Every structure is written in structure tokens, then in C-alpha cells.
PDB file of N, CA and C in Angstrom:
ATOM      1  N   MET A   1     124.911  35.980  98.360  1.00  0.00           N
ATOM      2  CA  MET A   1     126.325  35.688  98.299  1.00  0.00           C
ATOM      3  C   MET A   1     126.734  35.274  96.881  1.00  0.00           C
ATOM      4  N   PHE A   2     125.896  34.486  96.248  1.00  0.00           N
ATOM      5  CA  PHE A   2     126.170  34.030  94.882  1.00  0.00           C
ATOM      6  C   PHE A   2     126.212  35.213  93.921  1.00  0.00           C
ATOM      7  N   VAL A   3     125.317  36.170  94.115  1.00  0.00           N
ATOM      8  CA  VAL A   3     125.264  37.351  93.248  1.00  0.00           C
ATOM      9  C   VAL A   3     126.557  38.160  93.376  1.00  0.00           C
ATOM     10  N   ILE A   4     127.053  38.316  94.576  1.00  0.00           N
ATOM     11  CA  ILE A   4     128.293  39.055  94.794  1.00  0.00           C
ATOM     12  C   ILE A   4     129.462  38.354  94.105  1.00  0.00           C
ATOM     13  N   LEU A   5     129.494  37.043  94.185  1.00  0.00           N
ATOM     14  CA  LEU A   5     130.549  36.276  93.522  1.00  0.00           C
ATOM     15  C   LEU A   5     130.506  36.481  92.013  1.00  0.00           C
ATOM     16  N   ILE A   6     129.340  36.406  91.427  1.00  0.00           N
ATOM     17  CA  ILE A   6     129.178  36.586  89.980  1.00  0.00           C
ATOM     18  C   ILE A   6     129.583  38.002  89.573  1.00  0.00           C
ATOM     19  N   LEU A   7     129.134  39.006  90.319  1.00  0.00           N
ATOM     20  CA  LEU A   7     129.491  40.389  90.006  1.00  0.00           C
ATOM     21  C   LEU A   7     130.998  40.616  90.109  1.00  0.00           C
ATOM     22  N   SER A   8     131.630  40.004  91.085  1.00  0.00           N
ATOM     23  CA  SER A   8     133.081  40.131  91.236  1.00  0.00           C
ATOM     24  C   SER A   8     133.815  39.525  90.049  1.00  0.00           C
ATOM     25  N   ILE A   9     133.377  38.374  89.608  1.00  0.00           N
ATOM     26  CA  ILE A   9     134.001  37.715  88.456  1.00  0.00           C
ATOM     27  C   ILE A   9     133.838  38.563  87.207  1.00  0.00           C
ATOM     28  N   VAL A  10     132.652  39.098  86.995  1.00  0.00           N
ATOM     29  CA  VAL A  10     132.401  39.943  85.823  1.00  0.00           C
ATOM     30  C   VAL A  10     133.274  41.191  85.873  1.00  0.00           C
ATOM     31  N   LEU A  11     133.385  41.816  87.019  1.00  0.00           N
ATOM     32  CA  LEU A  11     134.205  43.019  87.169  1.00  0.00           C
ATOM     33  C   LEU A  11     135.678  42.727  86.888  1.00  0.00           C
ATOM     34  N   ILE A  12     136.195  41.660  87.447  1.00  0.00           N
ATOM     35  CA  ILE A  12     137.597  41.295  87.226  1.00  0.00           C
ATOM     36  C   ILE A  12     137.849  41.001  85.755  1.00  0.00           C
ATOM     37  N   PHE A  13     136.956  40.266  85.129  1.00  0.00           N
ATOM     38  CA  PHE A  13     137.104  39.951  83.709  1.00  0.00           C
ATOM     39  C   PHE A  13     137.075  41.227  82.876  1.00  0.00           C
ATOM     40  N   ASN A  14     136.156  42.122  83.177  1.00  0.00           N
ATOM     41  CA  ASN A  14     136.020  43.363  82.416  1.00  0.00           C
ATOM     42  C   ASN A  14     137.273  44.225  82.535  1.00  0.00           C
ATOM     43  N   LEU A  15     137.811  44.380  83.730  1.00  0.00           N
ATOM     44  CA  LEU A  15     139.010  45.194  83.920  1.00  0.00           C
ATOM     45  C   LEU A  15     140.225  44.575  83.241  1.00  0.00           C
ATOM     46  N   SER A  16     140.377  43.258  83.351  1.00  0.00           N
ATOM     47  CA  SER A  16     141.536  42.625  82.713  1.00  0.00           C
ATOM     48  C   SER A  16     141.409  42.681  81.199  1.00  0.00           C
ATOM     49  N   TYR A  17     140.212  42.542  80.672  1.00  0.00           N
ATOM     50  CA  TYR A  17     139.998  42.629  79.225  1.00  0.00           C
ATOM     51  C   TYR A  17     140.313  44.034  78.726  1.00  0.00           C
ATOM     52  N   SER A  18     139.904  45.047  79.466  1.00  0.00           N
ATOM     53  CA  SER A  18     140.165  46.432  79.073  1.00  0.00           C
ATOM     54  C   SER A  18     141.654  46.710  79.014  1.00  0.00           C
ATOM     55  N   HIS A  19     142.392  46.263  80.016  1.00  0.00           N
ATOM     56  CA  HIS A  19     143.830  46.519  80.045  1.00  0.00           C
ATOM     57  C   HIS A  19     144.568  45.726  78.975  1.00  0.00           C
ATOM     58  N   GLU A  20     144.112  44.522  78.669  1.00  0.00           N
ATOM     59  CA  GLU A  20     144.757  43.721  77.632  1.00  0.00           C
ATOM     60  C   GLU A  20     144.635  44.389  76.273  1.00  0.00           C
ATOM     61  N   ASN A  21     143.553  45.071  76.038  1.00  0.00           N
ATOM     62  CA  ASN A  21     143.321  45.714  74.756  1.00  0.00           C
ATOM     63  C   ASN A  21     143.847  47.139  74.711  1.00  0.00           C
ATOM     64  N   GLY A  22     144.563  47.558  75.735  1.00  0.00           N
ATOM     65  CA  GLY A  22     145.144  48.888  75.753  1.00  0.00           C
ATOM     66  C   GLY A  22     144.141  49.994  76.028  1.00  0.00           C
ATOM     67  N   LYS A  23     142.986  49.645  76.553  1.00  0.00           N
ATOM     68  CA  LYS A  23     141.960  50.644  76.838  1.00  0.00           C
ATOM     69  C   LYS A  23     141.937  50.928  78.326  1.00  0.00           C
ATOM     70  N   HIS A  24     141.830  52.166  78.658  1.00  0.00           N
ATOM     71  CA  HIS A  24     141.676  52.534  80.056  1.00  0.00           C
ATOM     72  C   HIS A  24     140.226  52.271  80.431  1.00  0.00           C
ATOM     73  N   PRO A  25     139.959  51.577  81.555  1.00  0.00           N
ATOM     74  CA  PRO A  25     138.585  51.191  81.889  1.00  0.00           C
ATOM     75  C   PRO A  25     137.635  52.357  82.110  1.00  0.00           C
ATOM     76  N   TYR A  26     138.146  53.538  82.399  1.00  0.00           N
ATOM     77  CA  TYR A  26     137.275  54.679  82.638  1.00  0.00           C
ATOM     78  C   TYR A  26     137.279  55.666  81.487  1.00  0.00           C
ATOM     79  N   HIS A  27     137.884  55.301  80.381  1.00  0.00           N
ATOM     80  CA  HIS A  27     138.008  56.222  79.250  1.00  0.00           C
ATOM     81  C   HIS A  27     136.650  56.731  78.768  1.00  0.00           C
ATOM     82  N   ASN A  28     135.671  55.867  78.645  1.00  0.00           N
ATOM     83  CA  ASN A  28     134.365  56.299  78.141  1.00  0.00           C
ATOM     84  C   ASN A  28     133.698  57.306  79.068  1.00  0.00           C
ATOM     85  N   ASN A  29     133.878  57.150  80.371  1.00  0.00           N
ATOM     86  CA  ASN A  29     133.297  58.114  81.304  1.00  0.00           C
ATOM     87  C   ASN A  29     133.917  59.490  81.113  1.00  0.00           C
ATOM     88  N   TYR A  30     135.238  59.543  80.959  1.00  0.00           N
ATOM     89  CA  TYR A  30     135.901  60.817  80.710  1.00  0.00           C
ATOM     90  C   TYR A  30     135.470  61.400  79.375  1.00  0.00           C
ATOM     91  N   GLN A  31     135.380  60.544  78.375  1.00  0.00           N
ATOM     92  CA  GLN A  31     135.001  61.012  77.041  1.00  0.00           C
ATOM     93  C   GLN A  31     133.638  61.693  77.096  1.00  0.00           C
ATOM     94  N   ASN A  32     132.670  61.079  77.763  1.00  0.00           N
ATOM     95  CA  ASN A  32     131.337  61.674  77.866  1.00  0.00           C
ATOM     96  C   ASN A  32     131.390  63.002  78.607  1.00  0.00           C
ATOM     97  N   TYR A  33     132.178  63.074  79.684  1.00  0.00           N
ATOM     98  CA  TYR A  33     132.293  64.315  80.451  1.00  0.00           C
ATOM     99  C   TYR A  33     132.847  65.432  79.581  1.00  0.00           C
ATOM    100  N   TYR A  34     133.896  65.142  78.844  1.00  0.00           N
ATOM    101  CA  TYR A  34     134.509  66.185  78.039  1.00  0.00           C
ATOM    102  C   TYR A  34     133.653  66.549  76.837  1.00  0.00           C
ATOM    103  N   ASP A  35     132.885  65.637  76.317  1.00  0.00           N
ATOM    104  CA  ASP A  35     131.987  65.970  75.217  1.00  0.00           C
ATOM    105  C   ASP A  35     130.872  66.891  75.688  1.00  0.00           C
ATOM    106  N   ASP A  36     130.281  66.573  76.829  1.00  0.00           N
ATOM    107  CA  ASP A  36     129.067  67.258  77.261  1.00  0.00           C
ATOM    108  C   ASP A  36     129.315  68.521  78.076  1.00  0.00           C
ATOM    109  N   THR A  37     130.255  68.485  78.975  1.00  0.00           N
ATOM    110  CA  THR A  37     130.416  69.568  79.937  1.00  0.00           C
ATOM    111  C   THR A  37     131.617  70.451  79.649  1.00  0.00           C
ATOM    112  N   PHE A  38     132.768  69.850  79.606  1.00  0.00           N
ATOM    113  CA  PHE A  38     134.008  70.607  79.552  1.00  0.00           C
ATOM    114  C   PHE A  38     134.138  71.427  78.281  1.00  0.00           C
ATOM    115  N   TYR A  39     133.808  70.839  77.165  1.00  0.00           N
ATOM    116  CA  TYR A  39     133.995  71.518  75.881  1.00  0.00           C
ATOM    117  C   TYR A  39     133.143  72.775  75.782  1.00  0.00           C
ATOM    118  N   THR A  40     131.947  72.742  76.339  1.00  0.00           N
ATOM    119  CA  THR A  40     131.063  73.901  76.257  1.00  0.00           C
ATOM    120  C   THR A  40     131.455  74.995  77.246  1.00  0.00           C
ATOM    121  N   GLN A  41     132.222  74.652  78.284  1.00  0.00           N
ATOM    122  CA  GLN A  41     132.586  75.634  79.302  1.00  0.00           C
ATOM    123  C   GLN A  41     133.949  76.279  79.060  1.00  0.00           C
ATOM    124  N   ASN A  42     134.740  75.757  78.151  1.00  0.00           N
ATOM    125  CA  ASN A  42     136.092  76.269  77.930  1.00  0.00           C
ATOM    126  C   ASN A  42     136.307  76.599  76.467  1.00  0.00           C
ATOM    127  N   SER A  43     137.299  77.406  76.221  1.00  0.00           N
ATOM    128  CA  SER A  43     137.548  77.864  74.857  1.00  0.00           C
ATOM    129  C   SER A  43     138.747  77.165  74.222  1.00  0.00           C
ATOM    130  N   TYR A  44     139.084  75.958  74.680  1.00  0.00           N
ATOM    131  CA  TYR A  44     140.191  75.220  74.078  1.00  0.00           C
ATOM    132  C   TYR A  44     139.826  74.810  72.660  1.00  0.00           C
ATOM    133  N   LYS A  45     140.813  74.800  71.800  1.00  0.00           N
ATOM    134  CA  LYS A  45     140.618  74.377  70.414  1.00  0.00           C
ATOM    135  C   LYS A  45     141.631  73.281  70.112  1.00  0.00           C
ATOM    136  N   CYS A  46     141.189  72.270  69.408  1.00  0.00           N
ATOM    137  CA  CYS A  46     142.005  71.078  69.185  1.00  0.00           C
ATOM    138  C   CYS A  46     143.275  71.310  68.377  1.00  0.00           C
ATOM    139  N   ASP A  47     143.338  72.312  67.575  1.00  0.00           N
ATOM    140  CA  ASP A  47     144.481  72.451  66.677  1.00  0.00           C
ATOM    141  C   ASP A  47     145.582  73.385  67.186  1.00  0.00           C
ATOM    142  N   LEU A  48     145.520  73.808  68.437  1.00  0.00           N
ATOM    143  CA  LEU A  48     146.472  74.809  68.916  1.00  0.00           C
ATOM    144  C   LEU A  48     147.709  74.237  69.605  1.00  0.00           C
ATOM    145  N   LYS A  49     147.569  73.160  70.354  1.00  0.00           N
ATOM    146  CA  LYS A  49     148.694  72.622  71.132  1.00  0.00           C
ATOM    147  C   LYS A  49     148.901  71.142  70.818  1.00  0.00           C
ATOM    148  N   LYS A  50     150.163  70.706  70.963  1.00  0.00           N
ATOM    149  CA  LYS A  50     150.485  69.317  70.637  1.00  0.00           C
ATOM    150  C   LYS A  50     151.327  68.612  71.696  1.00  0.00           C
ATOM    151  N   TYR A  51     151.936  69.354  72.621  1.00  0.00           N
ATOM    152  CA  TYR A  51     152.885  68.773  73.563  1.00  0.00           C
ATOM    153  C   TYR A  51     152.524  69.128  75.006  1.00  0.00           C
ATOM    154  N   CYS A  52     152.912  68.263  75.933  1.00  0.00           N
ATOM    155  CA  CYS A  52     152.658  68.516  77.354  1.00  0.00           C
ATOM    156  C   CYS A  52     153.291  69.828  77.810  1.00  0.00           C
ATOM    157  N   SER A  53     154.419  70.171  77.246  1.00  0.00           N
ATOM    158  CA  SER A  53     155.096  71.414  77.638  1.00  0.00           C
ATOM    159  C   SER A  53     154.273  72.654  77.289  1.00  0.00           C
ATOM    160  N   GLN A  54     153.295  72.497  76.413  1.00  0.00           N
ATOM    161  CA  GLN A  54     152.445  73.621  76.022  1.00  0.00           C
ATOM    162  C   GLN A  54     151.191  73.733  76.893  1.00  0.00           C
ATOM    163  N   MET A  55     150.900  72.704  77.677  1.00  0.00           N
ATOM    164  CA  MET A  55     149.683  72.691  78.486  1.00  0.00           C
ATOM    165  C   MET A  55     149.867  73.525  79.742  1.00  0.00           C
ATOM    166  N   GLU A  56     148.821  74.245  80.115  1.00  0.00           N
ATOM    167  CA  GLU A  56     148.873  75.089  81.304  1.00  0.00           C
ATOM    168  C   GLU A  56     148.236  74.438  82.521  1.00  0.00           C
ATOM    169  N   SER A  57     147.449  73.380  82.312  1.00  0.00           N
ATOM    170  CA  SER A  57     146.797  72.706  83.429  1.00  0.00           C
ATOM    171  C   SER A  57     146.518  71.254  83.070  1.00  0.00           C
ATOM    172  N   CYS A  58     146.247  70.482  84.088  1.00  0.00           N
ATOM    173  CA  CYS A  58     145.884  69.081  83.880  1.00  0.00           C
ATOM    174  C   CYS A  58     144.556  68.987  83.127  1.00  0.00           C
ATOM    175  N   GLU A  59     143.623  69.847  83.462  1.00  0.00           N
ATOM    176  CA  GLU A  59     142.325  69.843  82.778  1.00  0.00           C
ATOM    177  C   GLU A  59     142.488  70.096  81.283  1.00  0.00           C
ATOM    178  N   GLU A  60     143.383  71.000  80.936  1.00  0.00           N
ATOM    179  CA  GLU A  60     143.625  71.283  79.529  1.00  0.00           C
ATOM    180  C   GLU A  60     144.230  70.057  78.841  1.00  0.00           C
ATOM    181  N   ALA A  61     145.172  69.400  79.511  1.00  0.00           N
ATOM    182  CA  ALA A  61     145.781  68.195  78.950  1.00  0.00           C
ATOM    183  C   ALA A  61     144.740  67.098  78.757  1.00  0.00           C
ATOM    184  N   LYS A  62     143.828  66.951  79.719  1.00  0.00           N
ATOM    185  CA  LYS A  62     142.760  65.951  79.585  1.00  0.00           C
ATOM    186  C   LYS A  62     141.853  66.286  78.411  1.00  0.00           C
ATOM    187  N   PHE A  63     141.570  67.548  78.218  1.00  0.00           N
ATOM    188  CA  PHE A  63     140.756  67.962  77.078  1.00  0.00           C
ATOM    189  C   PHE A  63     141.411  67.525  75.770  1.00  0.00           C
ATOM    190  N   TYR A  64     142.701  67.808  75.638  1.00  0.00           N
ATOM    191  CA  TYR A  64     143.400  67.460  74.401  1.00  0.00           C
ATOM    192  C   TYR A  64     143.483  65.944  74.202  1.00  0.00           C
ATOM    193  N   LEU A  65     143.617  65.194  75.275  1.00  0.00           N
ATOM    194  CA  LEU A  65     143.663  63.737  75.149  1.00  0.00           C
ATOM    195  C   LEU A  65     142.297  63.174  74.782  1.00  0.00           C
ATOM    196  N   TYR A  66     141.266  63.542  75.544  1.00  0.00           N
ATOM    197  CA  TYR A  66     139.959  62.911  75.378  1.00  0.00           C
ATOM    198  C   TYR A  66     139.117  63.510  74.265  1.00  0.00           C
ATOM    199  N   LYS A  67     139.142  64.791  74.112  1.00  0.00           N
ATOM    200  CA  LYS A  67     138.302  65.429  73.092  1.00  0.00           C
ATOM    201  C   LYS A  67     138.990  65.469  71.732  1.00  0.00           C
ATOM    202  N   CYS A  68     140.273  65.757  71.725  1.00  0.00           N
ATOM    203  CA  CYS A  68     141.001  65.921  70.463  1.00  0.00           C
ATOM    204  C   CYS A  68     141.699  64.641  70.018  1.00  0.00           C
ATOM    205  N   GLY A  69     141.792  63.665  70.913  1.00  0.00           N
ATOM    206  CA  GLY A  69     142.423  62.400  70.557  1.00  0.00           C
ATOM    207  C   GLY A  69     143.937  62.475  70.429  1.00  0.00           C
ATOM    208  N   LEU A  70     144.563  63.392  71.146  1.00  0.00           N
ATOM    209  CA  LEU A  70     146.014  63.565  71.088  1.00  0.00           C
ATOM    210  C   LEU A  70     146.675  62.515  71.992  1.00  0.00           C
ATOM    211  N   LYS A  71     146.763  61.299  71.487  1.00  0.00           N
ATOM    212  CA  LYS A  71     147.187  60.145  72.277  1.00  0.00           C
ATOM    213  C   LYS A  71     148.629  60.214  72.754  1.00  0.00           C
ATOM    214  N   LYS A  72     149.463  60.978  72.091  1.00  0.00           N
ATOM    215  CA  LYS A  72     150.866  61.047  72.520  1.00  0.00           C
ATOM    216  C   LYS A  72     151.026  61.745  73.874  1.00  0.00           C
ATOM    217  N   LEU A  73     149.968  62.390  74.371  1.00  0.00           N
ATOM    218  CA  LEU A  73     150.017  62.999  75.703  1.00  0.00           C
ATOM    219  C   LEU A  73     149.976  61.938  76.802  1.00  0.00           C
ATOM    220  N   ASP A  74     149.539  60.729  76.458  1.00  0.00           N
ATOM    221  CA  ASP A  74     149.430  59.624  77.412  1.00  0.00           C
ATOM    222  C   ASP A  74     150.422  58.533  77.022  1.00  0.00           C
ATOM    223  N   ARG A  75     151.680  58.744  77.345  1.00  0.00           N
ATOM    224  CA  ARG A  75     152.748  57.832  76.914  1.00  0.00           C
ATOM    225  C   ARG A  75     152.571  56.405  77.405  1.00  0.00           C
ATOM    226  N   ASP A  76     152.156  56.233  78.671  1.00  0.00           N
ATOM    227  CA  ASP A  76     152.039  54.880  79.211  1.00  0.00           C
ATOM    228  C   ASP A  76     150.634  54.299  79.068  1.00  0.00           C
ATOM    229  N   LYS A  77     149.766  54.999  78.386  1.00  0.00           N
ATOM    230  CA  LYS A  77     148.408  54.530  78.065  1.00  0.00           C
ATOM    231  C   LYS A  77     147.604  54.118  79.303  1.00  0.00           C
ATOM    232  N   ASP A  78     147.721  54.911  80.365  1.00  0.00           N
ATOM    233  CA  ASP A  78     146.953  54.628  81.572  1.00  0.00           C
ATOM    234  C   ASP A  78     145.740  55.546  81.718  1.00  0.00           C
ATOM    235  N   GLY A  79     145.496  56.383  80.718  1.00  0.00           N
ATOM    236  CA  GLY A  79     144.347  57.281  80.758  1.00  0.00           C
ATOM    237  C   GLY A  79     144.645  58.633  81.375  1.00  0.00           C
ATOM    238  N   VAL A  80     145.880  58.838  81.823  1.00  0.00           N
ATOM    239  CA  VAL A  80     146.278  60.101  82.451  1.00  0.00           C
ATOM    240  C   VAL A  80     147.281  60.798  81.536  1.00  0.00           C
ATOM    241  N   PRO A  81     146.934  61.968  81.020  1.00  0.00           N
ATOM    242  CA  PRO A  81     147.864  62.675  80.141  1.00  0.00           C
ATOM    243  C   PRO A  81     148.914  63.441  80.939  1.00  0.00           C
ATOM    244  N   CYS A  82     150.033  63.713  80.308  1.00  0.00           N
ATOM    245  CA  CYS A  82     151.064  64.593  80.881  1.00  0.00           C
ATOM    246  C   CYS A  82     151.311  64.276  82.359  1.00  0.00           C
ATOM    247  N   GLU A  83     151.914  63.135  82.605  1.00  0.00           N
ATOM    248  CA  GLU A  83     152.074  62.605  83.966  1.00  0.00           C
ATOM    249  C   GLU A  83     152.647  63.617  84.959  1.00  0.00           C
ATOM    250  N   LYS A  84     153.577  64.447  84.551  1.00  0.00           N
ATOM    251  CA  LYS A  84     154.172  65.428  85.469  1.00  0.00           C
ATOM    252  C   LYS A  84     153.175  66.521  85.838  1.00  0.00           C
ATOM    253  N   LEU A  85     152.298  66.861  84.916  1.00  0.00           N
ATOM    254  CA  LEU A  85     151.305  67.907  85.143  1.00  0.00           C
ATOM    255  C   LEU A  85     150.105  67.372  85.922  1.00  0.00           C
ATOM    256  N   CYS A  86     149.697  66.160  85.621  1.00  0.00           N
ATOM    257  CA  CYS A  86     148.517  65.537  86.256  1.00  0.00           C
ATOM    258  C   CYS A  86     148.968  64.523  87.299  1.00  0.00           C
ATOM    259  N   LYS A  87     149.453  64.986  88.421  1.00  0.00           N
ATOM    260  CA  LYS A  87     149.966  64.101  89.481  1.00  0.00           C
ATOM    261  C   LYS A  87     148.848  63.476  90.261  1.00  0.00           C
TER     262      LYS A  87
END
């Protein structure tokens, strides 16, 4: 029971710290996925698109956000790019 309490406190602290610093708590997991898997399977290039209106899919928008660092695709900084496209 004590272990569960400690783990809960650590988890709550970690999530609140991440949000206070403007970081999405799962950003690193997405970053690793797009570095290792997605980039090698698709032919997207970082210098071709800049706006959500140019994206054809949510996956493409995620690629541009996480791999290319196009932060303006995530206006509310919740880790989800192009909110209308990625529902």
C-alpha cells in the first residue's frame, strides 16, 4: 500500500511539473516513434509544408510537429498538432 502511495505522488508531481514547463508528458515517446519508425516508412520532408491547411493527414501533421519541430502546428501546446485534423 505504501508503494502505491509513493508511486501515485511521483506520478502526480511528474505530470504537474511537465505541464508547468509547457511540455507535453508524452512528447518524448512520440519523438522516439517518429525518429525510429515513421520517418523511415514515409517520404515526408521537413522543408515542404508549414501550415495545417497543407497537411493531408493527422500522421503527416504529427511528423511535422515531432520530427521537424514545427511548433506552430500545436497552438495550445497540448502535444496534438492541427486540432481540426487530429480529432
